[in-house]
Amino acid sequence: MGPREHVAFLAGSANRVRILEALREQPHRQCELTEACDLSRSTAHRALDGLTGRGWVEQVAGEYRLTVGGDLVLARYEALETAIARIDEWGPFLNRVGDPADTLPLAALQNATLVRSTAENPHAAAAHFADALATSAADVFYGISPVVSPRFNEAAEGLIAAGTEMELIVDESVFDTSSTEYADDLDRAFSLDSFTLYVSPDDIGFGLTILDERAMIGAYDDRGVLRECLDTTDESLRAWAYDIYDDHRTAARRAETVVPRE
């Protein structure tokens, strides 16, 4: 019998999981398990047969006990349930972020705030991100952006005025748009000693912002609208953000001058 059959056995009945959970607390006789887990005698007997047959439970002096293997199986099963619940909750966000989300530490998402735009509040994510920029007193700003946004540029004025060390990575299409439609703003950015712009050779479909000990991840739709904004100070999520940023900066070229205007 293979691992998938064992998983199917455990997932096939909540009664089996409840028995393992009860035995993790303390050993029980079968009659005690029927009461603790609210099971009939026959149901408890069948479940215990399957659990002992797999080595997850053992009977010692008339009591059933959870084995070391059973404890590990239960812990991994609970972790799987938690991961599925998180993916169910965070699925739209993860799908929009795309490939970088493959390495996100899912367990740490519980320590993050996810701001979603809704039909009732279609600008919730953008407003949260803009407010975060406008109210930040960070010493460093590292960003990746898939769009040109005058609103976000304006929100970052305080960081610029404070001389915050700023680095931004965009793709070629965003750089071209900035050069043609926002040339004055780009000229000003290039004049700042504290600002460095990088251009990625690959298309960028997500947003990432690091402000000292704070990280934000932006999920955009196909129209370039910010739909969700994850905001966190969790250490593992910040480490992930720095890794993603470093990978993109390594692959990018430094933009030294603006594309000449015709």
C-alpha atoms as a PDB file:
ATOM      1  CA  MET A   1       0.000   0.000   0.000  1.00  0.00           C
ATOM      2  CA  GLY A   2       1.476   3.341  -1.074  1.00  0.00           C
ATOM      3  CA  PRO A   3       1.478   6.791   0.529  1.00  0.00           C
ATOM      4  CA  ARG A   4      -1.514   7.999  -1.483  1.00  0.00           C
ATOM      5  CA  GLU A   5      -3.611   5.102  -0.250  1.00  0.00           C
ATOM      6  CA  HIS A   6      -2.653   5.966   3.329  1.00  0.00           C
ATOM      7  CA  VAL A   7      -3.572   9.618   2.774  1.00  0.00           C
ATOM      8  CA  ALA A   8      -6.872   8.575   1.208  1.00  0.00           C
ATOM      9  CA  PHE A   9      -7.576   6.345   4.207  1.00  0.00           C
ATOM     10  CA  LEU A  10      -7.026   9.156   6.691  1.00  0.00           C
ATOM     11  CA  ALA A  11      -8.847  11.776   4.632  1.00  0.00           C
ATOM     12  CA  GLY A  12     -11.723   9.392   4.010  1.00  0.00           C
ATOM     13  CA  SER A  13     -13.138   9.725   7.504  1.00  0.00           C
ATOM     14  CA  ALA A  14     -13.069  12.542  10.045  1.00  0.00           C
ATOM     15  CA  ASN A  15     -13.544   9.837  12.691  1.00  0.00           C
ATOM     16  CA  ARG A  16     -10.011   8.526  12.086  1.00  0.00           C
ATOM     17  CA  VAL A  17      -8.553  11.999  12.480  1.00  0.00           C
ATOM     18  CA  ARG A  18     -10.543  12.600  15.660  1.00  0.00           C
ATOM     19  CA  ILE A  19      -9.217   9.356  17.143  1.00  0.00           C
ATOM     20  CA  LEU A  20      -5.629  10.350  16.378  1.00  0.00           C
ATOM     21  CA  GLU A  21      -6.226  13.774  17.901  1.00  0.00           C
ATOM     22  CA  ALA A  22      -7.723  12.217  21.044  1.00  0.00           C
ATOM     23  CA  LEU A  23      -4.815   9.800  21.405  1.00  0.00           C
ATOM     24  CA  ARG A  24      -2.340  12.632  20.974  1.00  0.00           C
ATOM     25  CA  GLU A  25      -3.803  14.139  24.140  1.00  0.00           C
ATOM     26  CA  GLN A  26      -3.583  10.897  26.136  1.00  0.00           C
ATOM     27  CA  PRO A  27      -3.990   7.108  25.795  1.00  0.00           C
ATOM     28  CA  HIS A  28      -7.555   5.763  25.788  1.00  0.00           C
ATOM     29  CA  ARG A  29      -9.355   2.470  26.021  1.00  0.00           C
ATOM     30  CA  GLN A  30     -11.759   1.796  23.182  1.00  0.00           C
ATOM     31  CA  CYS A  31     -14.779   2.479  25.360  1.00  0.00           C
ATOM     32  CA  GLU A  32     -13.296   5.844  26.316  1.00  0.00           C
ATOM     33  CA  LEU A  33     -12.660   6.729  22.670  1.00  0.00           C
ATOM     34  CA  THR A  34     -16.271   6.091  21.725  1.00  0.00           C
ATOM     35  CA  GLU A  35     -17.306   8.691  24.291  1.00  0.00           C
ATOM     36  CA  ALA A  36     -14.468  11.158  23.671  1.00  0.00           C
ATOM     37  CA  CYS A  37     -15.003  11.103  19.894  1.00  0.00           C
ATOM     38  CA  ASP A  38     -18.769  10.551  19.938  1.00  0.00           C
ATOM     39  CA  LEU A  39     -18.515   7.314  17.944  1.00  0.00           C
ATOM     40  CA  SER A  40     -20.374   4.040  17.982  1.00  0.00           C
ATOM     41  CA  ARG A  41     -18.456   1.025  19.254  1.00  0.00           C
ATOM     42  CA  SER A  42     -18.340  -0.554  15.781  1.00  0.00           C
ATOM     43  CA  THR A  43     -17.131   2.647  14.129  1.00  0.00           C
ATOM     44  CA  ALA A  44     -14.367   3.081  16.700  1.00  0.00           C
ATOM     45  CA  HIS A  45     -13.359  -0.575  16.310  1.00  0.00           C
ATOM     46  CA  ARG A  46     -13.060  -0.325  12.497  1.00  0.00           C
ATOM     47  CA  ALA A  47     -11.096   2.914  12.687  1.00  0.00           C
ATOM     48  CA  LEU A  48      -8.709   1.516  15.292  1.00  0.00           C
ATOM     49  CA  ASP A  49      -8.142  -1.598  13.191  1.00  0.00           C
ATOM     50  CA  GLY A  50      -7.060   0.545  10.257  1.00  0.00           C
ATOM     51  CA  LEU A  51      -4.900   2.838  12.375  1.00  0.00           C
ATOM     52  CA  THR A  52      -3.124   0.039  14.221  1.00  0.00           C
ATOM     53  CA  GLY A  53      -2.636  -1.847  10.956  1.00  0.00           C
ATOM     54  CA  ARG A  54      -0.715   1.119   9.594  1.00  0.00           C
ATOM     55  CA  GLY A  55       1.423   1.416  12.714  1.00  0.00           C
ATOM     56  CA  TRP A  56       0.011   4.814  13.658  1.00  0.00           C
ATOM     57  CA  VAL A  57      -1.649   3.500  16.820  1.00  0.00           C
ATOM     58  CA  GLU A  58      -0.620   0.710  19.180  1.00  0.00           C
ATOM     59  CA  GLN A  59      -2.408  -1.108  21.979  1.00  0.00           C
ATOM     60  CA  VAL A  60      -0.535  -1.418  25.283  1.00  0.00           C
ATOM     61  CA  ALA A  61      -2.099  -2.966  28.405  1.00  0.00           C
ATOM     62  CA  GLY A  62      -5.606  -2.459  27.055  1.00  0.00           C
ATOM     63  CA  GLU A  63      -5.056   1.193  26.077  1.00  0.00           C
ATOM     64  CA  TYR A  64      -4.560   2.624  22.615  1.00  0.00           C
ATOM     65  CA  ARG A  65      -1.620   4.987  22.207  1.00  0.00           C
ATOM     66  CA  LEU A  66      -0.396   7.175  19.378  1.00  0.00           C
ATOM     67  CA  THR A  67       2.945   5.978  18.003  1.00  0.00           C
ATOM     68  CA  VAL A  68       5.762   8.302  16.961  1.00  0.00           C
ATOM     69  CA  GLY A  69       4.857   7.576  13.349  1.00  0.00           C
ATOM     70  CA  GLY A  70       1.207   8.323  14.021  1.00  0.00           C
ATOM     71  CA  ASP A  71       2.090  11.608  15.644  1.00  0.00           C
ATOM     72  CA  LEU A  72       4.141  12.600  12.586  1.00  0.00           C
ATOM     73  CA  VAL A  73       1.355  11.548  10.217  1.00  0.00           C
ATOM     74  CA  LEU A  74      -1.201  13.615  12.132  1.00  0.00           C
ATOM     75  CA  ALA A  75       1.076  16.656  12.202  1.00  0.00           C
ATOM     76  CA  ARG A  76       1.707  16.459   8.451  1.00  0.00           C
ATOM     77  CA  TYR A  77      -1.977  15.904   7.744  1.00  0.00           C
ATOM     78  CA  GLU A  78      -2.909  18.976   9.773  1.00  0.00           C
ATOM     79  CA  ALA A  79      -0.234  20.961   7.932  1.00  0.00           C
ATOM     80  CA  LEU A  80      -1.729  19.839   4.615  1.00  0.00           C
ATOM     81  CA  GLU A  81      -5.200  20.916   5.734  1.00  0.00           C
ATOM     82  CA  THR A  82      -3.824  24.289   6.787  1.00  0.00           C
ATOM     83  CA  ALA A  83      -1.986  24.746   3.477  1.00  0.00           C
ATOM     84  CA  ILE A  84      -5.115  23.919   1.488  1.00  0.00           C
ATOM     85  CA  ALA A  85      -7.168  26.337   3.570  1.00  0.00           C
ATOM     86  CA  ARG A  86      -4.619  29.107   2.977  1.00  0.00           C
ATOM     87  CA  ILE A  87      -4.464  28.431  -0.748  1.00  0.00           C
ATOM     88  CA  ASP A  88      -8.256  28.465  -0.904  1.00  0.00           C
ATOM     89  CA  GLU A  89      -8.308  31.814   0.882  1.00  0.00           C
ATOM     90  CA  TRP A  90      -5.326  33.325  -0.927  1.00  0.00           C
ATOM     91  CA  GLY A  91      -5.801  31.638  -4.324  1.00  0.00           C
ATOM     92  CA  PRO A  92      -6.779  34.710  -6.401  1.00  0.00           C
ATOM     93  CA  PHE A  93      -3.859  36.675  -4.953  1.00  0.00           C
ATOM     94  CA  LEU A  94      -1.346  33.867  -5.544  1.00  0.00           C
ATOM     95  CA  ASN A  95      -2.582  33.328  -9.107  1.00  0.00           C
ATOM     96  CA  ARG A  96      -2.219  37.009  -9.951  1.00  0.00           C
ATOM     97  CA  VAL A  97       1.286  37.227  -8.477  1.00  0.00           C
ATOM     98  CA  GLY A  98       2.253  34.312 -10.720  1.00  0.00           C
ATOM     99  CA  ASP A  99       5.533  32.396 -10.691  1.00  0.00           C
ATOM    100  CA  PRO A 100       7.138  34.271  -7.756  1.00  0.00           C
ATOM    101  CA  ALA A 101       4.327  32.957  -5.536  1.00  0.00           C
ATOM    102  CA  ASP A 102       5.632  29.413  -6.006  1.00  0.00           C
ATOM    103  CA  THR A 103       8.246  30.032  -3.322  1.00  0.00           C
ATOM    104  CA  LEU A 104       6.126  32.099  -0.933  1.00  0.00           C
ATOM    105  CA  PRO A 105       6.256  30.681   2.617  1.00  0.00           C
ATOM    106  CA  LEU A 106       2.552  29.835   2.885  1.00  0.00           C
ATOM    107  CA  ALA A 107       2.696  29.262   6.638  1.00  0.00           C
ATOM    108  CA  ALA A 108       3.686  32.902   7.121  1.00  0.00           C
ATOM    109  CA  LEU A 109       0.642  34.277   5.302  1.00  0.00           C
ATOM    110  CA  GLN A 110      -1.277  34.135   8.552  1.00  0.00           C
ATOM    111  CA  ASN A 111       1.055  36.886   9.777  1.00  0.00           C
ATOM    112  CA  ALA A 112       0.250  39.163   6.856  1.00  0.00           C
ATOM    113  CA  THR A 113      -2.599  41.520   6.026  1.00  0.00           C
ATOM    114  CA  LEU A 114      -4.237  41.140   2.622  1.00  0.00           C
ATOM    115  CA  VAL A 115      -6.144  44.166   1.372  1.00  0.00           C
ATOM    116  CA  ARG A 116      -8.536  43.308  -1.471  1.00  0.00           C
ATOM    117  CA  SER A 117     -10.321  45.612  -3.854  1.00  0.00           C
ATOM    118  CA  THR A 118     -14.018  44.783  -4.069  1.00  0.00           C
ATOM    119  CA  ALA A 119     -17.033  45.908  -6.040  1.00  0.00           C
ATOM    120  CA  GLU A 120     -17.992  48.083  -3.069  1.00  0.00           C
ATOM    121  CA  ASN A 121     -14.449  49.454  -2.687  1.00  0.00           C
ATOM    122  CA  PRO A 122     -12.648  49.003  -6.024  1.00  0.00           C
ATOM    123  CA  HIS A 123      -9.665  51.130  -4.994  1.00  0.00           C
ATOM    124  CA  ALA A 124      -9.000  49.563  -1.581  1.00  0.00           C
ATOM    125  CA  ALA A 125      -5.689  47.937  -2.519  1.00  0.00           C
ATOM    126  CA  ALA A 126      -4.361  51.005  -4.333  1.00  0.00           C
ATOM    127  CA  ALA A 127      -5.421  53.302  -1.488  1.00  0.00           C
ATOM    128  CA  HIS A 128      -3.692  51.091   1.075  1.00  0.00           C
ATOM    129  CA  PHE A 129      -0.468  50.977  -0.941  1.00  0.00           C
ATOM    130  CA  ALA A 130      -0.469  54.720  -1.618  1.00  0.00           C
ATOM    131  CA  ASP A 131      -1.084  55.467   2.050  1.00  0.00           C
ATOM    132  CA  ALA A 132       1.773  53.143   3.036  1.00  0.00           C
ATOM    133  CA  LEU A 133       4.133  55.061   0.759  1.00  0.00           C
ATOM    134  CA  ALA A 134       2.889  58.460   1.887  1.00  0.00           C
ATOM    135  CA  THR A 135       3.206  57.734   5.603  1.00  0.00           C
ATOM    136  CA  SER A 136       6.468  55.775   5.562  1.00  0.00           C
ATOM    137  CA  ALA A 137       9.643  57.127   7.118  1.00  0.00           C
ATOM    138  CA  ALA A 138      11.797  54.300   5.778  1.00  0.00           C
ATOM    139  CA  ASP A 139      15.516  54.634   5.179  1.00  0.00           C
ATOM    140  CA  VAL A 140      15.373  52.347   2.129  1.00  0.00           C
ATOM    141  CA  PHE A 141      12.856  51.694  -0.608  1.00  0.00           C
ATOM    142  CA  TYR A 142      13.344  48.760  -2.957  1.00  0.00           C
ATOM    143  CA  GLY A 143      10.586  48.215  -5.483  1.00  0.00           C
ATOM    144  CA  ILE A 144       9.439  46.210  -8.478  1.00  0.00           C
ATOM    145  CA  SER A 145       6.556  47.629 -10.479  1.00  0.00           C
ATOM    146  CA  PRO A 146       4.605  46.370 -13.504  1.00  0.00           C
ATOM    147  CA  VAL A 147       2.915  49.750 -14.107  1.00  0.00           C
ATOM    148  CA  VAL A 148       3.469  53.497 -14.273  1.00  0.00           C
ATOM    149  CA  SER A 149       1.260  55.138 -11.653  1.00  0.00           C
ATOM    150  CA  PRO A 150       1.209  58.899 -11.079  1.00  0.00           C
ATOM    151  CA  ARG A 151      -0.760  58.232  -7.901  1.00  0.00           C
ATOM    152  CA  PHE A 152       1.974  56.032  -6.448  1.00  0.00           C
ATOM    153  CA  ASN A 153       4.683  58.435  -7.627  1.00  0.00           C
ATOM    154  CA  GLU A 154       2.950  61.278  -5.814  1.00  0.00           C
ATOM    155  CA  ALA A 155       2.566  59.154  -2.685  1.00  0.00           C
ATOM    156  CA  ALA A 156       6.334  58.578  -2.654  1.00  0.00           C
ATOM    157  CA  GLU A 157       7.135  62.316  -2.565  1.00  0.00           C
ATOM    158  CA  GLY A 158       7.802  62.196   1.174  1.00  0.00           C
ATOM    159  CA  LEU A 159      10.367  59.435   0.729  1.00  0.00           C
ATOM    160  CA  ILE A 160      12.047  61.397  -2.045  1.00  0.00           C
ATOM    161  CA  ALA A 161      12.128  64.595   0.027  1.00  0.00           C
ATOM    162  CA  ALA A 162      13.654  62.707   2.954  1.00  0.00           C
ATOM    163  CA  GLY A 163      16.494  61.434   0.779  1.00  0.00           C
ATOM    164  CA  THR A 164      15.461  57.793   1.197  1.00  0.00           C
ATOM    165  CA  GLU A 165      17.682  55.359  -0.675  1.00  0.00           C
ATOM    166  CA  MET A 166      15.436  54.245  -3.529  1.00  0.00           C
ATOM    167  CA  GLU A 167      15.792  51.529  -6.136  1.00  0.00           C
ATOM    168  CA  LEU A 168      13.078  50.588  -8.608  1.00  0.00           C
ATOM    169  CA  ILE A 169      12.913  47.788 -11.173  1.00  0.00           C
ATOM    170  CA  VAL A 170      10.542  48.010 -14.147  1.00  0.00           C
ATOM    171  CA  ASP A 171      10.321  46.122 -17.409  1.00  0.00           C
ATOM    172  CA  GLU A 172      11.013  47.500 -20.884  1.00  0.00           C
ATOM    173  CA  SER A 173       7.388  48.396 -21.608  1.00  0.00           C
ATOM    174  CA  VAL A 174       7.039  50.401 -18.392  1.00  0.00           C
ATOM    175  CA  PHE A 175      10.355  52.146 -19.049  1.00  0.00           C
ATOM    176  CA  ASP A 176       9.230  53.042 -22.582  1.00  0.00           C
ATOM    177  CA  THR A 177       5.919  54.387 -21.275  1.00  0.00           C
ATOM    178  CA  SER A 178       7.715  56.430 -18.624  1.00  0.00           C
ATOM    179  CA  SER A 179      10.094  57.815 -21.251  1.00  0.00           C
ATOM    180  CA  THR A 180       7.358  58.895 -23.661  1.00  0.00           C
ATOM    181  CA  GLU A 181       4.382  59.801 -21.474  1.00  0.00           C
ATOM    182  CA  TYR A 182       6.058  60.838 -18.216  1.00  0.00           C
ATOM    183  CA  ALA A 183       9.397  62.110 -19.476  1.00  0.00           C
ATOM    184  CA  ASP A 184       9.572  65.063 -17.083  1.00  0.00           C
ATOM    185  CA  ASP A 185       8.979  62.817 -14.081  1.00  0.00           C
ATOM    186  CA  LEU A 186      11.625  60.412 -15.331  1.00  0.00           C
ATOM    187  CA  ASP A 187      14.105  63.236 -15.897  1.00  0.00           C
ATOM    188  CA  ARG A 188      13.545  64.339 -12.328  1.00  0.00           C
ATOM    189  CA  ALA A 189      14.053  60.794 -11.045  1.00  0.00           C
ATOM    190  CA  PHE A 190      17.372  60.544 -12.852  1.00  0.00           C
ATOM    191  CA  SER A 191      18.459  63.822 -11.255  1.00  0.00           C
ATOM    192  CA  LEU A 192      18.097  62.384  -7.749  1.00  0.00           C
ATOM    193  CA  ASP A 193      21.296  61.099  -6.151  1.00  0.00           C
ATOM    194  CA  SER A 194      19.285  58.697  -3.979  1.00  0.00           C
ATOM    195  CA  PHE A 195      17.321  57.063  -6.825  1.00  0.00           C
ATOM    196  CA  THR A 196      18.433  54.219  -9.104  1.00  0.00           C
ATOM    197  CA  LEU A 197      16.288  52.731 -11.855  1.00  0.00           C
ATOM    198  CA  TYR A 198      16.767  49.230 -13.245  1.00  0.00           C
ATOM    199  CA  VAL A 199      15.145  47.709 -16.305  1.00  0.00           C
ATOM    200  CA  SER A 200      14.295  44.026 -16.345  1.00  0.00           C
ATOM    201  CA  PRO A 201      14.761  42.022 -19.568  1.00  0.00           C
ATOM    202  CA  ASP A 202      11.630  40.037 -18.669  1.00  0.00           C
ATOM    203  CA  ASP A 203       8.026  41.182 -18.410  1.00  0.00           C
ATOM    204  CA  ILE A 204       6.948  41.956 -14.853  1.00  0.00           C
ATOM    205  CA  GLY A 205       3.436  41.080 -13.729  1.00  0.00           C
ATOM    206  CA  PHE A 206       3.534  41.733  -9.983  1.00  0.00           C
ATOM    207  CA  GLY A 207       4.511  44.464  -7.576  1.00  0.00           C
ATOM    208  CA  LEU A 208       6.972  44.285  -4.699  1.00  0.00           C
ATOM    209  CA  THR A 209       7.938  46.990  -2.231  1.00  0.00           C
ATOM    210  CA  ILE A 210      10.398  46.803   0.656  1.00  0.00           C
ATOM    211  CA  LEU A 211      10.401  49.633   3.190  1.00  0.00           C
ATOM    212  CA  ASP A 212      12.971  48.790   5.864  1.00  0.00           C
ATOM    213  CA  GLU A 213      11.306  46.042   7.931  1.00  0.00           C
ATOM    214  CA  ARG A 214       8.063  46.116   5.954  1.00  0.00           C
ATOM    215  CA  ALA A 215       7.262  44.318   2.708  1.00  0.00           C
ATOM    216  CA  MET A 216       4.286  44.657   0.378  1.00  0.00           C
ATOM    217  CA  ILE A 217       3.351  42.453  -2.555  1.00  0.00           C
ATOM    218  CA  GLY A 218       0.976  43.733  -5.208  1.00  0.00           C
ATOM    219  CA  ALA A 219      -1.259  41.504  -7.335  1.00  0.00           C
ATOM    220  CA  TYR A 220      -2.387  43.142 -10.589  1.00  0.00           C
ATOM    221  CA  ASP A 221      -5.071  42.136 -13.072  1.00  0.00           C
ATOM    222  CA  ASP A 222      -4.657  41.981 -16.849  1.00  0.00           C
ATOM    223  CA  ARG A 223      -5.475  45.692 -17.134  1.00  0.00           C
ATOM    224  CA  GLY A 224      -2.667  46.655 -14.769  1.00  0.00           C
ATOM    225  CA  VAL A 225      -5.028  47.447 -11.904  1.00  0.00           C
ATOM    226  CA  LEU A 226      -3.844  46.649  -8.382  1.00  0.00           C
ATOM    227  CA  ARG A 227      -6.372  44.142  -7.048  1.00  0.00           C
ATOM    228  CA  GLU A 228      -4.714  42.908  -3.841  1.00  0.00           C
ATOM    229  CA  CYS A 229      -1.941  44.210  -1.624  1.00  0.00           C
ATOM    230  CA  LEU A 230      -0.228  41.989   0.917  1.00  0.00           C
ATOM    231  CA  ASP A 231       1.349  43.945   3.762  1.00  0.00           C
ATOM    232  CA  THR A 232       3.659  42.290   6.275  1.00  0.00           C
ATOM    233  CA  THR A 233       6.555  42.625   8.674  1.00  0.00           C
ATOM    234  CA  ASP A 234       6.939  38.838   9.006  1.00  0.00           C
ATOM    235  CA  GLU A 235      10.617  37.865   8.901  1.00  0.00           C
ATOM    236  CA  SER A 236      10.223  34.916   6.517  1.00  0.00           C
ATOM    237  CA  LEU A 237       8.079  36.920   4.094  1.00  0.00           C
ATOM    238  CA  ARG A 238      10.577  39.786   4.181  1.00  0.00           C
ATOM    239  CA  ALA A 239      13.402  37.343   3.468  1.00  0.00           C
ATOM    240  CA  TRP A 240      11.397  36.023   0.511  1.00  0.00           C
ATOM    241  CA  ALA A 241      10.846  39.590  -0.713  1.00  0.00           C
ATOM    242  CA  TYR A 242      14.557  40.397  -0.546  1.00  0.00           C
ATOM    243  CA  ASP A 243      15.392  37.186  -2.430  1.00  0.00           C
ATOM    244  CA  ILE A 244      12.900  38.004  -5.182  1.00  0.00           C
ATOM    245  CA  TYR A 245      14.157  41.565  -5.404  1.00  0.00           C
ATOM    246  CA  ASP A 246      17.814  40.524  -5.533  1.00  0.00           C
ATOM    247  CA  ASP A 247      17.096  37.979  -8.280  1.00  0.00           C
ATOM    248  CA  HIS A 248      15.362  40.593 -10.417  1.00  0.00           C
ATOM    249  CA  ARG A 249      18.004  43.258  -9.818  1.00  0.00           C
ATOM    250  CA  THR A 250      20.792  40.841 -10.759  1.00  0.00           C
ATOM    251  CA  ALA A 251      19.088  40.151 -14.092  1.00  0.00           C
ATOM    252  CA  ALA A 252      18.242  43.799 -14.778  1.00  0.00           C
ATOM    253  CA  ARG A 253      20.310  46.538 -16.371  1.00  0.00           C
ATOM    254  CA  ARG A 254      20.804  49.926 -14.803  1.00  0.00           C
ATOM    255  CA  ALA A 255      18.993  52.667 -16.724  1.00  0.00           C
ATOM    256  CA  GLU A 256      21.467  55.493 -17.079  1.00  0.00           C
ATOM    257  CA  THR A 257      19.598  57.895 -19.320  1.00  0.00           C
ATOM    258  CA  VAL A 258      16.144  58.556 -20.633  1.00  0.00           C
ATOM    259  CA  VAL A 259      15.283  57.330 -24.107  1.00  0.00           C
ATOM    260  CA  PRO A 260      15.644  60.408 -26.350  1.00  0.00           C
ATOM    261  CA  ARG A 261      12.368  62.159 -27.139  1.00  0.00           C
ATOM    262  CA  GLU A 262      11.476  62.794 -30.748  1.00  0.00           C
END
